[in-house]
Amino acid sequence: MIFNRRGKLADRVADVEAAVRGRDGDAMTRAVARVWQAAQQASVAELDAVLPRCVALLPQLGTGAGGQFSVLCGALVELGARPDELVTPAADGLAAALAGAHRFRSGWQRVRGDDALPDPDDPATMDDALAALTQAYDDEAAAIDAVQGWYAAGTWAMPVITLLQQSASVRASFPHRERLLEVGAGLAGERPDLECVLGLLRVLDGERLLVLHRATGRGWRVTIDGVADNFQLHTLLAGALAGPAERGLIEGLTVDPAWVEVATDAPEDRFGGTVVGSFNLVDGYGKWIWNEGAPADIPLFEDARVVVLDPPPYQRSWNNIRRFPLMSAALTVDGALTEAEAAHWLGRVAEPA
């Protein structure tokens, strides 16, 4: 028997649309599962065709159910659908959910004091949460909005995580970026499930760094894109600057090309092994730049993010992975400083603390 797949994904999406029109939650649950099954066998053209239809359902579903369905929309992008249609609705949904989550925390603390906030991944806690918020706001509609935001923020974050890994242009123009960072950062202590999306919102693209090597008196201007953390920055700096002294590079560094490939854009099946650090990274004020931090944490020093490369005081090593596997990174050496320029900067930066 010849199995004809033509139209299968579109038909499954039509089932979801019918379930939304009929406000039939059970039918929608079944239909969404069938969409996912069909999507994994679909062509990119089919994925592109159905994603706008799925995205159009998000406003009708609201914050709670919309957050759950947004995860499927993000999965279609991961399978190859063009992301453009999803960017604004996903950003809007996450902004609304975070605003609701912020109100939820305020209302909860008003009536429950220091009681632990409910687990947003446990729907069994929702009835108690709604009762508390209704008491806090004396308005059931406001309470429902806040409760939905608290429980849906993590699901809305998932497609946004996918979108922000797509390209520097998506990150640069992502709607509500500053508001998402501000509200999300205020909730981060209680919501570890927001760490990834907040980390991606802080990624720097087209960011210029001034890099100095104290031992040789050399310096370079470099540009970074898509670097998630300073483990990745450390690896890329070592890969770009290791080489013979006659070429103005740093001799004696041992850098496995596989480390640089993973830190750049190697697929996840290439991850594995251990990276050995080459430097101790220090900022212009002499403070250590921790690998666990991000390039955005490096402070400006006279209008430049300065990274000083010093010898490591002890051996550091870390897993050869990329924090966000779907996001490629780049570090470009734009040029070397002259001997006089490097001496000027090295004379201004502080000694390591």
Protein backbone atom coordinates (compact mmCIF):
# COMPACT_ATOMS: atom_id res chain seq x y z
CA MET A 1 0.00 0.00 0.00
CA ILE A 2 1.28 3.47 -0.84
CA PHE A 3 0.82 5.85 2.09
CA ASN A 4 -0.17 9.33 0.92
CA ARG A 5 1.05 11.94 3.38
CA ARG A 6 -0.16 14.96 1.35
CA GLY A 7 -2.25 17.30 3.47
CA LYS A 8 -1.90 15.22 6.64
CA LEU A 9 -0.34 17.97 8.78
CA ALA A 10 -2.77 20.60 7.47
CA ASP A 11 -5.69 18.28 8.28
CA ARG A 12 -4.43 17.74 11.81
CA VAL A 13 -4.16 21.51 12.32
CA ALA A 14 -7.73 21.85 11.07
CA ASP A 15 -8.74 19.48 13.88
CA VAL A 16 -7.12 21.84 16.40
CA GLU A 17 -8.90 24.83 14.89
CA ALA A 18 -12.22 23.01 15.14
CA ALA A 19 -11.54 22.11 18.78
CA VAL A 20 -10.76 25.75 19.61
CA ARG A 21 -13.93 26.93 17.88
CA GLY A 22 -15.93 24.36 19.82
CA ARG A 23 -14.13 25.12 23.09
CA ASP A 24 -13.51 21.39 23.46
CA GLY A 25 -10.45 20.91 25.64
CA ASP A 26 -10.34 17.12 25.38
CA ALA A 27 -10.58 17.23 21.58
CA MET A 28 -7.84 19.82 21.46
CA THR A 29 -5.52 17.70 23.59
CA ARG A 30 -5.95 14.78 21.20
CA ALA A 31 -5.61 17.00 18.12
CA VAL A 32 -2.42 18.68 19.33
CA ALA A 33 -0.79 15.28 19.89
CA ARG A 34 -1.67 14.30 16.31
CA VAL A 35 -0.25 17.59 14.97
CA TRP A 36 3.07 16.83 16.66
CA GLN A 37 3.14 13.30 15.25
CA ALA A 38 2.45 14.57 11.74
CA ALA A 39 4.88 17.48 12.03
CA GLN A 40 7.83 15.17 12.61
CA GLN A 41 7.23 13.64 9.16
CA ALA A 42 6.34 16.88 7.37
CA SER A 43 8.35 18.86 4.84
CA VAL A 44 9.61 22.36 5.58
CA ALA A 45 7.04 23.74 3.13
CA GLU A 46 4.26 22.04 5.10
CA LEU A 47 5.63 23.39 8.38
CA ASP A 48 5.80 26.91 6.91
CA ALA A 49 2.20 26.60 5.73
CA VAL A 50 0.70 25.56 9.07
CA LEU A 51 2.70 27.67 11.51
CA PRO A 52 0.72 30.92 10.78
CA ARG A 53 -2.51 29.00 11.34
CA CYS A 54 -1.25 27.73 14.69
CA VAL A 55 0.00 31.17 15.70
CA ALA A 56 -3.41 32.67 14.88
CA LEU A 57 -4.94 30.49 17.58
CA LEU A 58 -2.76 31.87 20.40
CA PRO A 59 -4.82 35.03 21.14
CA GLN A 60 -8.00 32.94 21.22
CA LEU A 61 -6.52 30.55 23.78
CA GLY A 62 -5.44 33.19 26.28
CA THR A 63 -2.47 33.16 28.63
CA GLY A 64 -2.92 29.70 30.15
CA ALA A 65 -3.91 27.42 27.28
CA GLY A 66 -2.04 29.70 24.86
CA GLY A 67 1.18 29.09 26.75
CA GLN A 68 0.76 25.34 26.41
CA PHE A 69 0.00 25.61 22.69
CA SER A 70 2.88 28.02 22.14
CA VAL A 71 5.23 25.15 22.97
CA LEU A 72 3.98 23.30 19.89
CA CYS A 73 4.48 26.46 17.79
CA GLY A 74 8.08 26.66 18.98
CA ALA A 75 8.57 22.98 18.18
CA LEU A 76 7.46 23.61 14.58
CA VAL A 77 10.20 26.25 14.33
CA GLU A 78 12.75 23.78 15.69
CA LEU A 79 11.67 21.34 12.98
CA GLY A 80 12.37 23.98 10.31
CA ALA A 81 9.43 26.39 9.99
CA ARG A 82 10.36 30.03 9.42
CA PRO A 83 10.19 31.80 12.79
CA ASP A 84 8.93 35.22 11.69
CA GLU A 85 5.22 34.62 12.31
CA LEU A 86 5.80 33.48 15.88
CA VAL A 87 8.12 36.23 17.14
CA THR A 88 5.65 38.95 18.12
CA PRO A 89 2.88 36.65 19.47
CA ALA A 90 5.39 34.72 21.57
CA ALA A 91 6.94 37.92 22.94
CA ASP A 92 3.47 39.30 23.70
CA GLY A 93 2.45 36.09 25.43
CA LEU A 94 5.58 35.94 27.56
CA ALA A 95 5.23 39.62 28.51
CA ALA A 96 1.62 39.07 29.61
CA ALA A 97 2.52 35.91 31.54
CA LEU A 98 5.43 37.58 33.34
CA ALA A 99 3.25 40.55 34.27
CA GLY A 100 0.67 38.16 35.66
CA ALA A 101 3.33 36.18 37.50
CA HIS A 102 4.64 39.38 39.09
CA ARG A 103 1.14 40.26 40.29
CA PHE A 104 0.72 36.70 41.52
CA ARG A 105 3.81 36.89 43.70
CA SER A 106 2.75 40.25 45.15
CA GLY A 107 -0.75 39.01 45.92
CA TRP A 108 0.46 35.72 47.36
CA GLN A 109 2.87 37.47 49.72
CA ARG A 110 0.10 39.84 50.78
CA VAL A 111 -2.12 37.02 52.04
CA ARG A 112 0.35 34.18 52.66
CA GLY A 113 3.39 36.10 53.84
CA ASP A 114 6.53 33.98 53.71
CA ASP A 115 4.74 30.76 52.72
CA ALA A 116 6.49 29.04 49.84
CA LEU A 117 5.16 30.02 46.44
CA PRO A 118 3.35 27.18 44.65
CA ASP A 119 5.20 25.03 42.16
CA PRO A 120 4.20 26.34 38.71
CA ASP A 121 4.71 22.85 37.26
CA ASP A 122 2.16 21.31 39.62
CA PRO A 123 -1.41 21.96 38.44
CA ALA A 124 -2.75 20.39 41.65
CA THR A 125 -1.80 23.61 43.46
CA MET A 126 -3.88 25.88 41.22
CA ASP A 127 -7.13 25.77 43.21
CA ASP A 128 -5.39 26.85 46.41
CA ALA A 129 -3.48 29.52 44.47
CA LEU A 130 -6.67 30.92 42.98
CA ALA A 131 -8.33 31.07 46.39
CA ALA A 132 -5.37 33.01 47.80
CA LEU A 133 -5.24 35.45 44.89
CA THR A 134 -8.98 36.06 44.95
CA GLN A 135 -8.58 37.02 48.58
CA ALA A 136 -5.63 39.26 47.74
CA TYR A 137 -7.34 41.19 44.94
CA ASP A 138 -11.02 40.76 45.84
CA ASP A 139 -11.55 40.40 42.10
CA GLU A 140 -11.85 36.96 40.54
CA ALA A 141 -10.91 38.14 37.03
CA ALA A 142 -7.69 39.77 38.30
CA ALA A 143 -6.94 36.66 40.36
CA ILE A 144 -7.42 34.36 37.39
CA ASP A 145 -5.15 36.55 35.24
CA ALA A 146 -2.41 36.46 37.88
CA VAL A 147 -2.71 32.71 38.43
CA GLN A 148 -2.57 32.01 34.70
CA GLY A 149 0.56 34.18 34.43
CA TRP A 150 2.27 32.33 37.27
CA TYR A 151 1.57 28.89 35.85
CA ALA A 152 2.09 29.78 32.18
CA ALA A 153 5.29 31.88 32.29
CA GLY A 154 7.50 28.82 31.94
CA THR A 155 5.60 27.46 28.95
CA TRP A 156 5.62 30.84 27.13
CA ALA A 157 9.37 30.98 27.77
CA MET A 158 9.94 27.78 25.80
CA PRO A 159 9.13 29.05 22.28
CA VAL A 160 10.93 32.30 23.09
CA ILE A 161 14.04 30.27 23.95
CA THR A 162 13.78 28.63 20.53
CA LEU A 163 13.28 31.93 18.72
CA LEU A 164 16.14 33.75 20.43
CA GLN A 165 18.56 31.04 19.32
CA GLN A 166 17.61 31.46 15.65
CA SER A 167 19.68 34.49 14.66
CA ALA A 168 21.20 37.76 15.78
CA SER A 169 18.52 39.65 13.83
CA VAL A 170 15.73 37.95 15.80
CA ARG A 171 17.50 38.78 19.08
CA ALA A 172 18.17 42.38 18.06
CA SER A 173 14.56 43.17 17.20
CA PHE A 174 12.83 40.96 19.76
CA PRO A 175 9.74 42.80 21.07
CA HIS A 176 9.57 43.93 24.71
CA ARG A 177 13.20 42.91 25.29
CA GLU A 178 13.93 45.41 28.07
CA ARG A 179 10.58 44.87 29.77
CA LEU A 180 10.99 41.10 29.64
CA LEU A 181 14.43 41.41 31.19
CA GLU A 182 13.26 43.77 33.91
CA VAL A 183 10.19 41.80 35.00
CA GLY A 184 11.86 38.43 34.49
CA ALA A 185 14.91 39.41 36.53
CA GLY A 186 12.60 40.44 39.36
CA LEU A 187 11.14 36.92 39.40
CA ALA A 188 14.34 34.97 38.78
CA GLY A 189 14.94 34.12 42.42
CA GLU A 190 11.64 32.25 42.62
CA ARG A 191 11.55 31.00 39.03
CA PRO A 192 14.68 29.08 37.98
CA ASP A 193 12.73 27.97 34.89
CA LEU A 194 13.23 31.51 33.54
CA GLU A 195 17.05 31.39 33.67
CA CYS A 196 17.48 30.25 30.06
CA VAL A 197 15.20 32.83 28.49
CA LEU A 198 16.74 35.62 30.57
CA GLY A 199 20.22 34.45 29.59
CA LEU A 200 19.29 34.58 25.91
CA LEU A 201 17.77 38.04 26.24
CA ARG A 202 21.16 39.23 27.58
CA VAL A 203 23.23 37.77 24.73
CA LEU A 204 25.38 40.40 23.02
CA ASP A 205 25.63 40.52 19.23
CA GLY A 206 28.04 42.72 17.32
CA GLU A 207 29.69 43.59 20.64
CA ARG A 208 33.29 44.81 20.49
CA LEU A 209 35.77 43.81 23.18
CA LEU A 210 39.25 45.09 23.88
CA VAL A 211 41.44 42.08 24.68
CA LEU A 212 44.87 42.48 26.31
CA HIS A 213 47.55 39.87 27.01
CA ARG A 214 49.58 41.17 29.91
CA ALA A 215 52.54 38.76 29.56
CA THR A 216 53.35 39.68 25.95
CA GLY A 217 52.09 43.26 25.97
CA ARG A 218 49.82 42.57 23.00
CA GLY A 219 46.22 43.56 22.43
CA TRP A 220 43.41 43.02 19.95
CA ARG A 221 39.98 44.35 19.14
CA VAL A 222 37.47 41.54 18.69
CA THR A 223 33.75 41.30 17.96
CA ILE A 224 31.50 38.65 19.46
CA ASP A 225 28.10 37.36 18.38
CA GLY A 226 25.87 34.80 20.06
CA VAL A 227 28.20 34.01 22.97
CA ALA A 228 26.07 32.67 25.82
CA ASP A 229 28.56 32.55 28.68
CA ASN A 230 32.18 33.16 29.55
CA PHE A 231 33.09 29.48 29.25
CA GLN A 232 32.29 29.91 25.57
CA LEU A 233 34.06 33.28 25.39
CA HIS A 234 37.17 31.81 27.04
CA THR A 235 37.26 28.94 24.53
CA LEU A 236 36.76 31.19 21.51
CA LEU A 237 39.44 33.66 22.65
CA ALA A 238 41.95 30.84 23.07
CA GLY A 239 41.09 29.44 19.65
CA ALA A 240 41.38 32.81 17.91
CA LEU A 241 44.60 33.98 19.58
CA ALA A 242 46.67 30.78 19.81
CA GLY A 243 49.53 30.79 17.33
CA PRO A 244 53.10 31.82 16.59
CA ALA A 245 54.48 35.02 18.09
CA GLU A 246 55.72 36.20 14.70
CA ARG A 247 52.09 36.47 13.63
CA GLY A 248 51.30 38.55 16.70
CA LEU A 249 49.56 35.68 18.50
CA ILE A 250 50.08 33.84 21.79
CA GLU A 251 52.44 30.90 21.74
CA GLY A 252 52.21 27.88 24.01
CA LEU A 253 48.41 27.50 24.18
CA THR A 254 46.95 24.05 23.73
CA VAL A 255 43.57 24.36 22.06
CA ASP A 256 41.77 21.34 20.64
CA PRO A 257 39.96 22.40 17.43
CA ALA A 258 36.96 20.37 18.61
CA TRP A 259 36.55 22.77 21.54
CA VAL A 260 36.33 25.75 19.19
CA GLU A 261 33.97 23.94 16.83
CA VAL A 262 31.56 23.15 19.67
CA ALA A 263 31.82 26.71 21.03
CA THR A 264 30.97 28.01 17.54
CA ASP A 265 28.31 25.97 15.80
CA ALA A 266 28.99 22.22 15.91
CA PRO A 267 25.80 20.13 16.22
CA GLU A 268 24.87 18.67 19.58
CA ASP A 269 26.02 15.18 18.63
CA ARG A 270 29.58 16.58 18.56
CA PHE A 271 29.41 17.74 22.17
CA GLY A 272 31.49 15.81 24.67
CA GLY A 273 34.82 15.71 26.43
CA THR A 274 36.49 18.36 28.55
CA VAL A 275 37.84 21.81 27.72
CA VAL A 276 40.96 22.92 29.60
CA GLY A 277 41.22 26.65 30.26
CA SER A 278 44.06 28.74 28.87
CA PHE A 279 43.75 31.98 30.86
CA ASN A 280 42.49 33.79 33.89
CA LEU A 281 40.10 36.41 32.51
CA VAL A 282 40.23 39.76 34.31
CA ASP A 283 38.29 42.99 33.66
CA GLY A 284 39.69 46.50 33.43
CA TYR A 285 39.21 47.01 37.18
CA GLY A 286 41.28 43.95 38.08
CA LYS A 287 38.32 41.76 39.04
CA TRP A 288 38.11 38.19 37.84
CA ILE A 289 35.67 37.48 35.01
CA TRP A 290 34.04 34.26 36.09
CA ASN A 291 33.44 31.66 33.42
CA GLU A 292 29.97 31.07 34.89
CA GLY A 293 28.99 34.65 34.00
CA ALA A 294 28.16 36.15 30.61
CA PRO A 295 29.86 38.74 28.38
CA ALA A 296 27.13 41.22 29.37
CA ASP A 297 28.48 41.03 32.93
CA ILE A 298 31.88 42.42 31.87
CA PRO A 299 31.82 46.08 32.95
CA LEU A 300 32.65 48.96 30.68
CA PHE A 301 36.09 50.42 31.32
CA GLU A 302 36.48 53.81 29.66
CA ASP A 303 33.67 52.96 27.22
CA ALA A 304 35.07 49.54 26.34
CA ARG A 305 34.51 46.05 27.68
CA VAL A 306 38.08 45.09 28.51
CA VAL A 307 39.23 41.50 28.92
CA VAL A 308 42.75 40.96 30.22
CA LEU A 309 44.27 37.52 29.66
CA ASP A 310 46.46 36.44 32.57
CA PRO A 311 48.01 33.06 33.38
CA PRO A 312 45.57 30.71 35.12
CA PRO A 313 46.36 30.42 38.85
CA TYR A 314 45.16 26.80 38.73
CA GLN A 315 43.85 24.47 36.05
CA ARG A 316 40.24 25.02 35.10
CA SER A 317 38.22 22.63 33.00
CA TRP A 318 34.60 22.38 31.91
CA ASN A 319 32.33 20.26 29.74
CA ASN A 320 32.75 20.71 26.01
CA ILE A 321 29.20 21.87 25.31
CA ARG A 322 27.40 24.98 24.14
CA ARG A 323 24.81 26.27 26.61
CA PHE A 324 22.29 26.95 23.85
CA PRO A 325 22.79 24.25 21.21
CA LEU A 326 20.59 25.93 18.58
CA MET A 327 22.51 29.24 18.75
CA SER A 328 25.72 29.59 16.76
CA ALA A 329 28.44 31.94 17.97
CA ALA A 330 31.33 33.83 16.44
CA LEU A 331 34.38 35.68 17.67
CA THR A 332 36.15 37.78 15.03
CA VAL A 333 39.56 39.37 15.53
CA ASP A 334 39.10 42.78 13.94
CA GLY A 335 42.72 43.77 14.31
CA ALA A 336 45.74 43.97 16.58
CA LEU A 337 46.56 47.02 18.67
CA THR A 338 49.82 48.75 17.93
CA GLU A 339 52.55 48.28 20.51
CA ALA A 340 51.92 51.82 21.78
CA GLU A 341 48.14 51.29 21.99
CA ALA A 342 48.53 48.05 23.91
CA ALA A 343 51.04 49.66 26.29
CA HIS A 344 48.62 52.56 26.85
CA TRP A 345 45.75 50.26 27.79
CA LEU A 346 47.88 47.93 29.89
CA GLY A 347 49.13 50.93 31.78
CA ARG A 348 45.55 51.97 32.62
CA VAL A 349 43.95 48.68 33.62
CA ALA A 350 44.27 47.47 37.20
CA GLU A 351 46.38 44.59 38.35
CA PRO A 352 44.36 41.43 39.09
CA ALA A 353 42.73 41.38 42.50
